[in-house]
Each structure stands twice: as C-alpha cells, then as structure tokens.
C-alpha atoms as a PDB file:
ATOM      1  CA  MET A   1      35.432  42.335   0.607  1.00  0.00           C
ATOM      2  CA  THR A   2      32.896  40.104  -1.105  1.00  0.00           C
ATOM      3  CA  ARG A   3      31.932  36.475  -0.293  1.00  0.00           C
ATOM      4  CA  SER A   4      30.878  33.819  -2.830  1.00  0.00           C
ATOM      5  CA  VAL A   5      27.982  31.446  -1.710  1.00  0.00           C
ATOM      6  CA  ALA A   6      28.875  27.779  -2.351  1.00  0.00           C
ATOM      7  CA  VAL A   7      26.094  26.261  -4.196  1.00  0.00           C
ATOM      8  CA  ARG A   8      25.458  22.322  -3.273  1.00  0.00           C
ATOM      9  CA  ARG A   9      24.591  20.053  -6.120  1.00  0.00           C
ATOM     10  CA  ILE A  10      22.677  17.099  -5.452  1.00  0.00           C
ATOM     11  CA  LEU A  11      23.830  14.154  -7.691  1.00  0.00           C
ATOM     12  CA  PRO A  12      21.125  12.179  -9.478  1.00  0.00           C
ATOM     13  CA  THR A  13      22.589   9.092  -8.071  1.00  0.00           C
ATOM     14  CA  SER A  14      22.556  10.252  -4.425  1.00  0.00           C
ATOM     15  CA  PRO A  15      21.122   7.395  -2.199  1.00  0.00           C
ATOM     16  CA  PHE A  16      19.471  10.178  -0.039  1.00  0.00           C
ATOM     17  CA  LYS A  17      17.055  10.870  -2.944  1.00  0.00           C
ATOM     18  CA  ALA A  18      16.127   7.329  -3.848  1.00  0.00           C
ATOM     19  CA  ARG A  19      12.685   6.250  -3.579  1.00  0.00           C
ATOM     20  CA  ILE A  20      11.990   3.070  -1.656  1.00  0.00           C
ATOM     21  CA  GLU A  21       9.274   1.188  -3.459  1.00  0.00           C
ATOM     22  CA  THR A  22       7.035  -0.757  -0.692  1.00  0.00           C
ATOM     23  CA  PRO A  23       6.267  -4.313  -1.856  1.00  0.00           C
ATOM     24  CA  ARG A  24       2.776  -4.835  -3.003  1.00  0.00           C
ATOM     25  CA  LYS A  25       0.185  -6.607  -0.928  1.00  0.00           C
ATOM     26  CA  HIS A  26      -1.483  -9.723  -2.360  1.00  0.00           C
ATOM     27  CA  PHE A  27      -4.584 -11.409  -0.848  1.00  0.00           C
ATOM     28  CA  THR A  28      -6.154 -14.632  -1.786  1.00  0.00           C
ATOM     29  CA  VAL A  29      -9.606 -16.069  -1.200  1.00  0.00           C
ATOM     30  CA  GLY A  30     -10.023 -16.928   2.596  1.00  0.00           C
ATOM     31  CA  ASP A  31      -7.523 -14.842   4.094  1.00  0.00           C
ATOM     32  CA  ARG A  32      -8.150 -13.227   7.230  1.00  0.00           C
ATOM     33  CA  VAL A  33      -7.715  -9.423   7.235  1.00  0.00           C
ATOM     34  CA  THR A  34      -8.223  -6.351   9.334  1.00  0.00           C
ATOM     35  CA  HIS A  35      -9.219  -3.014   7.956  1.00  0.00           C
ATOM     36  CA  ASP A  36      -8.616   0.275  10.038  1.00  0.00           C
ATOM     37  CA  THR A  37     -12.282   1.407   9.297  1.00  0.00           C
ATOM     38  CA  TYR A  38     -14.218  -1.889   9.113  1.00  0.00           C
ATOM     39  CA  GLY A  39     -12.311  -4.278  11.462  1.00  0.00           C
ATOM     40  CA  LEU A  40     -11.862  -8.068  11.002  1.00  0.00           C
ATOM     41  CA  GLY A  41     -12.997  -9.831   7.844  1.00  0.00           C
ATOM     42  CA  ARG A  42     -12.465 -12.639   5.306  1.00  0.00           C
ATOM     43  CA  ALA A  43     -11.478 -12.186   1.610  1.00  0.00           C
ATOM     44  CA  ILE A  44     -14.169 -13.781  -0.290  1.00  0.00           C
ATOM     45  CA  GLU A  45     -13.161 -12.739  -3.882  1.00  0.00           C
ATOM     46  CA  VAL A  46     -10.329 -11.250  -5.839  1.00  0.00           C
ATOM     47  CA  GLU A  47     -10.850  -9.321  -8.974  1.00  0.00           C
ATOM     48  CA  GLY A  48      -8.119  -9.587 -11.651  1.00  0.00           C
ATOM     49  CA  ASP A  49      -5.081 -11.550 -11.815  1.00  0.00           C
ATOM     50  CA  SER A  50      -3.018  -8.456 -10.408  1.00  0.00           C
ATOM     51  CA  ASP A  51      -5.313  -7.968  -7.369  1.00  0.00           C
ATOM     52  CA  ILE A  52      -7.284  -5.194  -8.646  1.00  0.00           C
ATOM     53  CA  ALA A  53      -9.810  -5.323  -5.845  1.00  0.00           C
ATOM     54  CA  VAL A  54     -10.632  -7.687  -2.893  1.00  0.00           C
ATOM     55  CA  LEU A  55     -14.162  -8.225  -1.895  1.00  0.00           C
ATOM     56  CA  VAL A  56     -14.174  -8.630   1.990  1.00  0.00           C
ATOM     57  CA  ASP A  57     -16.969  -9.941   4.280  1.00  0.00           C
ATOM     58  CA  PHE A  58     -16.863  -7.978   7.461  1.00  0.00           C
ATOM     59  CA  GLY A  59     -19.727  -9.924   8.963  1.00  0.00           C
ATOM     60  CA  SER A  60     -22.230  -6.942   8.963  1.00  0.00           C
ATOM     61  CA  ARG A  61     -21.162  -5.628   5.561  1.00  0.00           C
ATOM     62  CA  ARG A  62     -19.231  -6.474   2.498  1.00  0.00           C
ATOM     63  CA  GLU A  63     -17.103  -4.071   0.995  1.00  0.00           C
ATOM     64  CA  SER A  64     -14.827  -3.969  -2.109  1.00  0.00           C
ATOM     65  CA  ILE A  65     -11.322  -2.604  -1.156  1.00  0.00           C
ATOM     66  CA  THR A  66      -9.092  -1.455  -4.039  1.00  0.00           C
ATOM     67  CA  GLN A  67      -5.275  -1.028  -4.233  1.00  0.00           C
ATOM     68  CA  PRO A  68      -3.059  -0.012  -2.632  1.00  0.00           C
ATOM     69  CA  TYR A  69      -4.668  -1.402   0.317  1.00  0.00           C
ATOM     70  CA  ALA A  70      -2.962   1.165   2.633  1.00  0.00           C
ATOM     71  CA  THR A  71      -5.378   0.424   5.399  1.00  0.00           C
ATOM     72  CA  MET A  72      -5.744  -3.454   5.110  1.00  0.00           C
ATOM     73  CA  TYR A  73      -3.463  -6.080   6.375  1.00  0.00           C
ATOM     74  CA  LYS A  74      -3.425  -9.680   6.274  1.00  0.00           C
ATOM     75  CA  LEU A  75      -3.389 -11.545   9.524  1.00  0.00           C
END
C-alpha cells in the first residue's frame, strides 16, 4: 500500500505572508531624540524634503543619522 503526501499550497493572498510596513519616522528641527549609541540629543538640521538624514547635536558630538532611523526615537 502506498501513501501519497499532501502538498500544501500557500495562496498569494494569505494574510500570514503579508508584509507589515512600519510607519516612517519623521523628525523636525528642534526635536528631542534619543539614540541607542549616542544618547540624548536635539535635531539641528533635516536634510531633504523626505528626511534623508538628520543632523543631531548630542552635546559632545554632532552626528548625521540616515534613514531608516532604526535606533533613534523622538521623545
């Protein structure tokens, strides 16, 4: 007696495969921010209309943080 193995098809409309898009972070001049590496700071310049990079003053240094801003959060 032989058994056939059922093959499961994953439908392209399956909600379990749907990618969830995270909302983009937007910063403006003067925003207080925190960064996982550099600590607390203030946004002093925003480059580009679509927030390509943000120049942040962390007190002892200034860093240009680029998108996707994974480790930077607005306070």
